[in-house]
Amino acid sequence: MQYSIMEALFEGKIIPWERQNSYSSERLALEDKIESEKRYFTKKMSSDDCERFQTLEDLYLEATFDEQVGIYSHGFTLGALLMMEIMAKGDELKNK
């Protein structure tokens, strides 16, 4: 059986907005709180601990970037598949 992107979208098997990042006011407030907490802890740390903490944060950012690349790739692939399916349906309609 061939996989239909349009049917999967209609049936809720693919829900694009569940993969979307939201930068609402709540999200921005959460990021501000995270930054405030980081400043609090780094003030209490030794310089060596601060460096290690920064390295840890860099690792988290690298992991997040890799995830974002995967999400972008997934979305782009879904869009391309959707366009291919639309083009095929258009050909079917023209040939009727």
PDB file of N, CA and C in Angstrom:
ATOM      1  N   MET A   1       0.843  -1.188   0.000  1.00  0.00           N
ATOM      2  CA  MET A   1       0.000   0.000   0.000  1.00  0.00           C
ATOM      3  C   MET A   1       0.882   1.243   0.000  1.00  0.00           C
ATOM      4  N   GLN A   2       0.570   2.180  -0.863  1.00  0.00           N
ATOM      5  CA  GLN A   2       1.352   3.406  -0.950  1.00  0.00           C
ATOM      6  C   GLN A   2       0.937   4.361   0.165  1.00  0.00           C
ATOM      7  N   TYR A   3       1.909   5.021   0.736  1.00  0.00           N
ATOM      8  CA  TYR A   3       1.702   5.983   1.813  1.00  0.00           C
ATOM      9  C   TYR A   3       1.184   7.288   1.231  1.00  0.00           C
ATOM     10  N   SER A   4       0.084   7.786   1.721  1.00  0.00           N
ATOM     11  CA  SER A   4      -0.489   9.035   1.246  1.00  0.00           C
ATOM     12  C   SER A   4      -0.292  10.133   2.280  1.00  0.00           C
ATOM     13  N   ILE A   5       0.498  11.123   1.932  1.00  0.00           N
ATOM     14  CA  ILE A   5       0.740  12.252   2.839  1.00  0.00           C
ATOM     15  C   ILE A   5      -0.563  12.998   3.130  1.00  0.00           C
ATOM     16  N   MET A   6      -1.353  13.257   2.090  1.00  0.00           N
ATOM     17  CA  MET A   6      -2.596  14.006   2.299  1.00  0.00           C
ATOM     18  C   MET A   6      -3.545  13.258   3.222  1.00  0.00           C
ATOM     19  N   GLU A   7      -3.681  11.952   3.044  1.00  0.00           N
ATOM     20  CA  GLU A   7      -4.555  11.178   3.921  1.00  0.00           C
ATOM     21  C   GLU A   7      -4.015  11.156   5.349  1.00  0.00           C
ATOM     22  N   ALA A   8      -2.714  10.983   5.488  1.00  0.00           N
ATOM     23  CA  ALA A   8      -2.116  10.954   6.818  1.00  0.00           C
ATOM     24  C   ALA A   8      -2.311  12.290   7.536  1.00  0.00           C
ATOM     25  N   LEU A   9      -2.183  13.399   6.814  1.00  0.00           N
ATOM     26  CA  LEU A   9      -2.431  14.717   7.411  1.00  0.00           C
ATOM     27  C   LEU A   9      -3.899  14.838   7.825  1.00  0.00           C
ATOM     28  N   PHE A  10      -4.803  14.419   6.935  1.00  0.00           N
ATOM     29  CA  PHE A  10      -6.235  14.510   7.214  1.00  0.00           C
ATOM     30  C   PHE A  10      -6.627  13.647   8.405  1.00  0.00           C
ATOM     31  N   GLU A  11      -6.068  12.434   8.486  1.00  0.00           N
ATOM     32  CA  GLU A  11      -6.415  11.486   9.549  1.00  0.00           C
ATOM     33  C   GLU A  11      -5.699  11.776  10.864  1.00  0.00           C
ATOM     34  N   GLY A  12      -4.805  12.756  10.873  1.00  0.00           N
ATOM     35  CA  GLY A  12      -4.102  13.116  12.101  1.00  0.00           C
ATOM     36  C   GLY A  12      -2.921  12.218  12.427  1.00  0.00           C
ATOM     37  N   LYS A  13      -2.482  11.426  11.458  1.00  0.00           N
ATOM     38  CA  LYS A  13      -1.305  10.589  11.687  1.00  0.00           C
ATOM     39  C   LYS A  13      -0.030  11.426  11.653  1.00  0.00           C
ATOM     40  N   ILE A  14      -0.085  12.530  10.937  1.00  0.00           N
ATOM     41  CA  ILE A  14       1.014  13.499  10.896  1.00  0.00           C
ATOM     42  C   ILE A  14       0.437  14.814  11.391  1.00  0.00           C
ATOM     43  N   ILE A  15       1.017  15.357  12.434  1.00  0.00           N
ATOM     44  CA  ILE A  15       0.532  16.615  12.998  1.00  0.00           C
ATOM     45  C   ILE A  15       1.707  17.585  13.015  1.00  0.00           C
ATOM     46  N   PRO A  16       1.868  18.367  11.949  1.00  0.00           N
ATOM     47  CA  PRO A  16       3.054  19.219  11.810  1.00  0.00           C
ATOM     48  C   PRO A  16       3.279  20.182  12.963  1.00  0.00           C
ATOM     49  N   TRP A  17       2.232  20.757  13.525  1.00  0.00           N
ATOM     50  CA  TRP A  17       2.416  21.757  14.569  1.00  0.00           C
ATOM     51  C   TRP A  17       2.917  21.152  15.875  1.00  0.00           C
ATOM     52  N   GLU A  18       2.855  19.848  16.035  1.00  0.00           N
ATOM     53  CA  GLU A  18       3.417  19.240  17.229  1.00  0.00           C
ATOM     54  C   GLU A  18       4.941  19.262  17.203  1.00  0.00           C
ATOM     55  N   ARG A  19       5.531  19.465  16.050  1.00  0.00           N
ATOM     56  CA  ARG A  19       6.984  19.516  15.929  1.00  0.00           C
ATOM     57  C   ARG A  19       7.492  20.958  15.895  1.00  0.00           C
ATOM     58  N   GLN A  20       6.615  21.912  15.985  1.00  0.00           N
ATOM     59  CA  GLN A  20       6.978  23.328  15.867  1.00  0.00           C
ATOM     60  C   GLN A  20       7.472  23.866  17.207  1.00  0.00           C
ATOM     61  N   ASN A  21       8.495  24.694  17.142  1.00  0.00           N
ATOM     62  CA  ASN A  21       8.957  25.392  18.341  1.00  0.00           C
ATOM     63  C   ASN A  21       8.096  26.625  18.549  1.00  0.00           C
ATOM     64  N   SER A  22       7.678  26.837  19.766  1.00  0.00           N
ATOM     65  CA  SER A  22       6.834  27.983  20.081  1.00  0.00           C
ATOM     66  C   SER A  22       7.644  28.993  20.886  1.00  0.00           C
ATOM     67  N   TYR A  23       7.663  30.224  20.443  1.00  0.00           N
ATOM     68  CA  TYR A  23       8.351  31.278  21.169  1.00  0.00           C
ATOM     69  C   TYR A  23       7.327  32.268  21.704  1.00  0.00           C
ATOM     70  N   SER A  24       6.404  31.736  22.476  1.00  0.00           N
ATOM     71  CA  SER A  24       5.365  32.540  23.092  1.00  0.00           C
ATOM     72  C   SER A  24       5.968  33.353  24.236  1.00  0.00           C
ATOM     73  N   SER A  25       5.151  34.206  24.821  1.00  0.00           N
ATOM     74  CA  SER A  25       5.620  35.002  25.951  1.00  0.00           C
ATOM     75  C   SER A  25       5.992  34.088  27.128  1.00  0.00           C
ATOM     76  N   GLU A  26       5.283  32.972  27.279  1.00  0.00           N
ATOM     77  CA  GLU A  26       5.618  32.019  28.336  1.00  0.00           C
ATOM     78  C   GLU A  26       6.991  31.399  28.092  1.00  0.00           C
ATOM     79  N   ARG A  27       7.271  31.076  26.827  1.00  0.00           N
ATOM     80  CA  ARG A  27       8.572  30.479  26.487  1.00  0.00           C
ATOM     81  C   ARG A  27       9.697  31.481  26.741  1.00  0.00           C
ATOM     82  N   LEU A  28       9.487  32.724  26.345  1.00  0.00           N
ATOM     83  CA  LEU A  28      10.501  33.756  26.566  1.00  0.00           C
ATOM     84  C   LEU A  28      10.734  33.994  28.055  1.00  0.00           C
ATOM     85  N   ALA A  29       9.664  33.965  28.847  1.00  0.00           N
ATOM     86  CA  ALA A  29       9.805  34.124  30.301  1.00  0.00           C
ATOM     87  C   ALA A  29      10.590  32.950  30.892  1.00  0.00           C
ATOM     88  N   LEU A  30      10.333  31.758  30.380  1.00  0.00           N
ATOM     89  CA  LEU A  30      11.075  30.581  30.842  1.00  0.00           C
ATOM     90  C   LEU A  30      12.559  30.719  30.513  1.00  0.00           C
ATOM     91  N   GLU A  31      12.880  31.177  29.319  1.00  0.00           N
ATOM     92  CA  GLU A  31      14.282  31.366  28.939  1.00  0.00           C
ATOM     93  C   GLU A  31      14.959  32.416  29.812  1.00  0.00           C
ATOM     94  N   ASP A  32      14.238  33.492  30.138  1.00  0.00           N
ATOM     95  CA  ASP A  32      14.784  34.509  31.047  1.00  0.00           C
ATOM     96  C   ASP A  32      15.078  33.919  32.424  1.00  0.00           C
ATOM     97  N   LYS A  33      14.178  33.081  32.909  1.00  0.00           N
ATOM     98  CA  LYS A  33      14.379  32.451  34.217  1.00  0.00           C
ATOM     99  C   LYS A  33      15.590  31.514  34.176  1.00  0.00           C
ATOM    100  N   ILE A  34      15.739  30.776  33.093  1.00  0.00           N
ATOM    101  CA  ILE A  34      16.899  29.890  32.941  1.00  0.00           C
ATOM    102  C   ILE A  34      18.191  30.702  32.989  1.00  0.00           C
ATOM    103  N   GLU A  35      18.233  31.812  32.266  1.00  0.00           N
ATOM    104  CA  GLU A  35      19.430  32.668  32.263  1.00  0.00           C
ATOM    105  C   GLU A  35      19.709  33.220  33.649  1.00  0.00           C
ATOM    106  N   SER A  36      18.669  33.598  34.363  1.00  0.00           N
ATOM    107  CA  SER A  36      18.836  34.116  35.722  1.00  0.00           C
ATOM    108  C   SER A  36      19.414  33.043  36.642  1.00  0.00           C
ATOM    109  N   GLU A  37      18.924  31.826  36.516  1.00  0.00           N
ATOM    110  CA  GLU A  37      19.430  30.725  37.336  1.00  0.00           C
ATOM    111  C   GLU A  37      20.883  30.402  36.990  1.00  0.00           C
ATOM    112  N   LYS A  38      21.213  30.449  35.711  1.00  0.00           N
ATOM    113  CA  LYS A  38      22.604  30.204  35.314  1.00  0.00           C
ATOM    114  C   LYS A  38      23.529  31.252  35.916  1.00  0.00           C
ATOM    115  N   ARG A  39      23.121  32.521  35.878  1.00  0.00           N
ATOM    116  CA  ARG A  39      23.937  33.580  36.469  1.00  0.00           C
ATOM    117  C   ARG A  39      24.117  33.350  37.972  1.00  0.00           C
ATOM    118  N   TYR A  40      23.053  32.938  38.638  1.00  0.00           N
ATOM    119  CA  TYR A  40      23.120  32.675  40.074  1.00  0.00           C
ATOM    120  C   TYR A  40      24.169  31.597  40.366  1.00  0.00           C
ATOM    121  N   PHE A  41      24.097  30.492  39.660  1.00  0.00           N
ATOM    122  CA  PHE A  41      25.018  29.391  39.938  1.00  0.00           C
ATOM    123  C   PHE A  41      26.449  29.710  39.520  1.00  0.00           C
ATOM    124  N   THR A  42      26.630  30.382  38.404  1.00  0.00           N
ATOM    125  CA  THR A  42      28.000  30.675  37.970  1.00  0.00           C
ATOM    126  C   THR A  42      28.687  31.653  38.920  1.00  0.00           C
ATOM    127  N   LYS A  43      27.931  32.531  39.582  1.00  0.00           N
ATOM    128  CA  LYS A  43      28.526  33.430  40.570  1.00  0.00           C
ATOM    129  C   LYS A  43      29.058  32.666  41.771  1.00  0.00           C
ATOM    130  N   LYS A  44      28.459  31.543  42.071  1.00  0.00           N
ATOM    131  CA  LYS A  44      28.840  30.742  43.232  1.00  0.00           C
ATOM    132  C   LYS A  44      29.935  29.727  42.908  1.00  0.00           C
ATOM    133  N   MET A  45      30.256  29.541  41.643  1.00  0.00           N
ATOM    134  CA  MET A  45      31.213  28.510  41.226  1.00  0.00           C
ATOM    135  C   MET A  45      32.626  29.053  41.130  1.00  0.00           C
ATOM    136  N   SER A  46      33.566  28.127  41.224  1.00  0.00           N
ATOM    137  CA  SER A  46      34.960  28.483  40.961  1.00  0.00           C
ATOM    138  C   SER A  46      35.112  28.690  39.457  1.00  0.00           C
ATOM    139  N   SER A  47      36.217  29.284  39.032  1.00  0.00           N
ATOM    140  CA  SER A  47      36.417  29.513  37.601  1.00  0.00           C
ATOM    141  C   SER A  47      36.494  28.190  36.839  1.00  0.00           C
ATOM    142  N   ASP A  48      37.084  27.160  37.434  1.00  0.00           N
ATOM    143  CA  ASP A  48      37.149  25.842  36.783  1.00  0.00           C
ATOM    144  C   ASP A  48      35.748  25.253  36.613  1.00  0.00           C
ATOM    145  N   ASP A  49      34.940  25.376  37.659  1.00  0.00           N
ATOM    146  CA  ASP A  49      33.565  24.874  37.578  1.00  0.00           C
ATOM    147  C   ASP A  49      32.758  25.650  36.533  1.00  0.00           C
ATOM    148  N   CYS A  50      32.988  26.964  36.450  1.00  0.00           N
ATOM    149  CA  CYS A  50      32.301  27.780  35.441  1.00  0.00           C
ATOM    150  C   CYS A  50      32.658  27.323  34.033  1.00  0.00           C
ATOM    151  N   GLU A  51      33.921  27.020  33.805  1.00  0.00           N
ATOM    152  CA  GLU A  51      34.347  26.525  32.490  1.00  0.00           C
ATOM    153  C   GLU A  51      33.672  25.204  32.161  1.00  0.00           C
ATOM    154  N   ARG A  52      33.639  24.311  33.141  1.00  0.00           N
ATOM    155  CA  ARG A  52      32.993  23.013  32.916  1.00  0.00           C
ATOM    156  C   ARG A  52      31.504  23.181  32.685  1.00  0.00           C
ATOM    157  N   PHE A  53      30.890  24.099  33.404  1.00  0.00           N
ATOM    158  CA  PHE A  53      29.469  24.385  33.228  1.00  0.00           C
ATOM    159  C   PHE A  53      29.215  24.926  31.827  1.00  0.00           C
ATOM    160  N   GLN A  54      30.082  25.817  31.357  1.00  0.00           N
ATOM    161  CA  GLN A  54      29.951  26.370  30.001  1.00  0.00           C
ATOM    162  C   GLN A  54      30.123  25.266  28.959  1.00  0.00           C
ATOM    163  N   THR A  55      31.067  24.357  29.180  1.00  0.00           N
ATOM    164  CA  THR A  55      31.265  23.229  28.274  1.00  0.00           C
ATOM    165  C   THR A  55      30.011  22.358  28.229  1.00  0.00           C
ATOM    166  N   LEU A  56      29.414  22.125  29.400  1.00  0.00           N
ATOM    167  CA  LEU A  56      28.174  21.348  29.459  1.00  0.00           C
ATOM    168  C   LEU A  56      27.066  22.041  28.671  1.00  0.00           C
ATOM    169  N   GLU A  57      26.957  23.345  28.847  1.00  0.00           N
ATOM    170  CA  GLU A  57      25.929  24.097  28.119  1.00  0.00           C
ATOM    171  C   GLU A  57      26.179  24.016  26.606  1.00  0.00           C
ATOM    172  N   ASP A  58      27.434  24.108  26.194  1.00  0.00           N
ATOM    173  CA  ASP A  58      27.768  23.990  24.772  1.00  0.00           C
ATOM    174  C   ASP A  58      27.371  22.624  24.218  1.00  0.00           C
ATOM    175  N   LEU A  59      27.555  21.589  25.027  1.00  0.00           N
ATOM    176  CA  LEU A  59      27.153  20.248  24.596  1.00  0.00           C
ATOM    177  C   LEU A  59      25.641  20.153  24.426  1.00  0.00           C
ATOM    178  N   TYR A  60      24.896  20.756  25.362  1.00  0.00           N
ATOM    179  CA  TYR A  60      23.442  20.791  25.239  1.00  0.00           C
ATOM    180  C   TYR A  60      23.019  21.534  23.962  1.00  0.00           C
ATOM    181  N   LEU A  61      23.687  22.661  23.684  1.00  0.00           N
ATOM    182  CA  LEU A  61      23.357  23.431  22.485  1.00  0.00           C
ATOM    183  C   LEU A  61      23.657  22.639  21.219  1.00  0.00           C
ATOM    184  N   GLU A  62      24.766  21.922  21.217  1.00  0.00           N
ATOM    185  CA  GLU A  62      25.122  21.093  20.054  1.00  0.00           C
ATOM    186  C   GLU A  62      24.073  20.002  19.833  1.00  0.00           C
ATOM    187  N   ALA A  63      23.630  19.367  20.919  1.00  0.00           N
ATOM    188  CA  ALA A  63      22.605  18.326  20.812  1.00  0.00           C
ATOM    189  C   ALA A  63      21.289  18.915  20.305  1.00  0.00           C
ATOM    190  N   THR A  64      20.946  20.093  20.792  1.00  0.00           N
ATOM    191  CA  THR A  64      19.721  20.763  20.352  1.00  0.00           C
ATOM    192  C   THR A  64      19.809  21.131  18.881  1.00  0.00           C
ATOM    193  N   PHE A  65      20.968  21.610  18.439  1.00  0.00           N
ATOM    194  CA  PHE A  65      21.152  21.959  17.035  1.00  0.00           C
ATOM    195  C   PHE A  65      20.953  20.733  16.155  1.00  0.00           C
ATOM    196  N   ASP A  66      21.541  19.608  16.559  1.00  0.00           N
ATOM    197  CA  ASP A  66      21.371  18.378  15.793  1.00  0.00           C
ATOM    198  C   ASP A  66      19.893  18.000  15.689  1.00  0.00           C
ATOM    199  N   GLU A  67      19.160  18.164  16.783  1.00  0.00           N
ATOM    200  CA  GLU A  67      17.729  17.862  16.768  1.00  0.00           C
ATOM    201  C   GLU A  67      16.982  18.803  15.826  1.00  0.00           C
ATOM    202  N   GLN A  68      17.336  20.087  15.865  1.00  0.00           N
ATOM    203  CA  GLN A  68      16.672  21.062  15.008  1.00  0.00           C
ATOM    204  C   GLN A  68      16.922  20.764  13.528  1.00  0.00           C
ATOM    205  N   VAL A  69      18.121  20.324  13.198  1.00  0.00           N
ATOM    206  CA  VAL A  69      18.423  19.945  11.821  1.00  0.00           C
ATOM    207  C   VAL A  69      17.511  18.791  11.405  1.00  0.00           C
ATOM    208  N   GLY A  70      17.337  17.828  12.287  1.00  0.00           N
ATOM    209  CA  GLY A  70      16.452  16.696  11.992  1.00  0.00           C
ATOM    210  C   GLY A  70      15.009  17.139  11.805  1.00  0.00           C
ATOM    211  N   ILE A  71      14.541  18.052  12.633  1.00  0.00           N
ATOM    212  CA  ILE A  71      13.173  18.558  12.519  1.00  0.00           C
ATOM    213  C   ILE A  71      12.996  19.305  11.200  1.00  0.00           C
ATOM    214  N   TYR A  72      13.965  20.152  10.853  1.00  0.00           N
ATOM    215  CA  TYR A  72      13.894  20.890   9.590  1.00  0.00           C
ATOM    216  C   TYR A  72      13.870  19.933   8.413  1.00  0.00           C
ATOM    217  N   SER A  73      14.739  18.942   8.458  1.00  0.00           N
ATOM    218  CA  SER A  73      14.811  17.958   7.384  1.00  0.00           C
ATOM    219  C   SER A  73      13.493  17.200   7.252  1.00  0.00           C
ATOM    220  N   HIS A  74      12.907  16.827   8.372  1.00  0.00           N
ATOM    221  CA  HIS A  74      11.630  16.122   8.372  1.00  0.00           C
ATOM    222  C   HIS A  74      10.540  16.985   7.733  1.00  0.00           C
ATOM    223  N   GLY A  75      10.471  18.243   8.134  1.00  0.00           N
ATOM    224  CA  GLY A  75       9.468  19.155   7.582  1.00  0.00           C
ATOM    225  C   GLY A  75       9.653  19.381   6.090  1.00  0.00           C
ATOM    226  N   PHE A  76      10.886  19.555   5.675  1.00  0.00           N
ATOM    227  CA  PHE A  76      11.173  19.762   4.260  1.00  0.00           C
ATOM    228  C   PHE A  76      10.774  18.528   3.451  1.00  0.00           C
ATOM    229  N   THR A  77      11.098  17.348   3.979  1.00  0.00           N
ATOM    230  CA  THR A  77      10.748  16.104   3.296  1.00  0.00           C
ATOM    231  C   THR A  77       9.235  15.954   3.188  1.00  0.00           C
ATOM    232  N   LEU A  78       8.507  16.260   4.273  1.00  0.00           N
ATOM    233  CA  LEU A  78       7.046  16.193   4.228  1.00  0.00           C
ATOM    234  C   LEU A  78       6.497  17.141   3.165  1.00  0.00           C
ATOM    235  N   GLY A  79       7.049  18.352   3.105  1.00  0.00           N
ATOM    236  CA  GLY A  79       6.593  19.319   2.092  1.00  0.00           C
ATOM    237  C   GLY A  79       6.849  18.825   0.683  1.00  0.00           C
ATOM    238  N   ALA A  80       8.024  18.260   0.446  1.00  0.00           N
ATOM    239  CA  ALA A  80       8.349  17.739  -0.885  1.00  0.00           C
ATOM    240  C   ALA A  80       7.443  16.572  -1.248  1.00  0.00           C
ATOM    241  N   LEU A  81       7.201  15.668  -0.301  1.00  0.00           N
ATOM    242  CA  LEU A  81       6.314  14.536  -0.564  1.00  0.00           C
ATOM    243  C   LEU A  81       4.890  15.001  -0.845  1.00  0.00           C
ATOM    244  N   LEU A  82       4.455  16.004  -0.102  1.00  0.00           N
ATOM    245  CA  LEU A  82       3.121  16.559  -0.317  1.00  0.00           C
ATOM    246  C   LEU A  82       3.010  17.147  -1.718  1.00  0.00           C
ATOM    247  N   MET A  83       4.011  17.888  -2.146  1.00  0.00           N
ATOM    248  CA  MET A  83       3.985  18.464  -3.495  1.00  0.00           C
ATOM    249  C   MET A  83       3.996  17.368  -4.563  1.00  0.00           C
ATOM    250  N   MET A  84       4.765  16.301  -4.349  1.00  0.00           N
ATOM    251  CA  MET A  84       4.780  15.196  -5.307  1.00  0.00           C
ATOM    252  C   MET A  84       3.393  14.564  -5.410  1.00  0.00           C
ATOM    253  N   GLU A  85       2.738  14.401  -4.258  1.00  0.00           N
ATOM    254  CA  GLU A  85       1.407  13.804  -4.259  1.00  0.00           C
ATOM    255  C   GLU A  85       0.390  14.725  -4.940  1.00  0.00           C
ATOM    256  N   ILE A  86       0.494  16.012  -4.697  1.00  0.00           N
ATOM    257  CA  ILE A  86      -0.409  16.966  -5.341  1.00  0.00           C
ATOM    258  C   ILE A  86      -0.211  16.952  -6.851  1.00  0.00           C
ATOM    259  N   MET A  87       1.039  16.905  -7.281  1.00  0.00           N
ATOM    260  CA  MET A  87       1.316  16.863  -8.723  1.00  0.00           C
ATOM    261  C   MET A  87       0.724  15.595  -9.348  1.00  0.00           C
ATOM    262  N   ALA A  88       0.839  14.460  -8.655  1.00  0.00           N
ATOM    263  CA  ALA A  88       0.281  13.207  -9.181  1.00  0.00           C
ATOM    264  C   ALA A  88      -1.237  13.287  -9.252  1.00  0.00           C
ATOM    265  N   LYS A  89      -1.866  13.864  -8.243  1.00  0.00           N
ATOM    266  CA  LYS A  89      -3.329  14.011  -8.253  1.00  0.00           C
ATOM    267  C   LYS A  89      -3.758  14.943  -9.379  1.00  0.00           C
ATOM    268  N   GLY A  90      -2.965  15.987  -9.619  1.00  0.00           N
ATOM    269  CA  GLY A  90      -3.269  16.899 -10.717  1.00  0.00           C
ATOM    270  C   GLY A  90      -3.231  16.194 -12.054  1.00  0.00           C
ATOM    271  N   ASP A  91      -2.256  15.334 -12.263  1.00  0.00           N
ATOM    272  CA  ASP A  91      -2.181  14.565 -13.497  1.00  0.00           C
ATOM    273  C   ASP A  91      -3.379  13.644 -13.643  1.00  0.00           C
ATOM    274  N   GLU A  92      -3.792  13.022 -12.540  1.00  0.00           N
ATOM    275  CA  GLU A  92      -4.968  12.152 -12.568  1.00  0.00           C
ATOM    276  C   GLU A  92      -6.212  12.925 -13.000  1.00  0.00           C
ATOM    277  N   LEU A  93      -6.380  14.131 -12.445  1.00  0.00           N
ATOM    278  CA  LEU A  93      -7.549  14.948 -12.791  1.00  0.00           C
ATOM    279  C   LEU A  93      -7.538  15.374 -14.252  1.00  0.00           C
ATOM    280  N   LYS A  94      -6.355  15.689 -14.752  1.00  0.00           N
ATOM    281  CA  LYS A  94      -6.238  16.111 -16.154  1.00  0.00           C
ATOM    282  C   LYS A  94      -6.566  14.983 -17.115  1.00  0.00           C
ATOM    283  N   ASN A  95      -6.285  13.735 -16.712  1.00  0.00           N
ATOM    284  CA  ASN A  95      -6.478  12.591 -17.578  1.00  0.00           C
ATOM    285  C   ASN A  95      -7.883  12.006 -17.504  1.00  0.00           C
ATOM    286  N   LYS A  96      -8.760  12.580 -16.739  1.00  0.00           N
ATOM    287  CA  LYS A  96     -10.143  12.064 -16.628  1.00  0.00           C
ATOM    288  C   LYS A  96     -11.029  12.663 -17.679  1.00  0.00           C
TER     289      LYS A  96
END
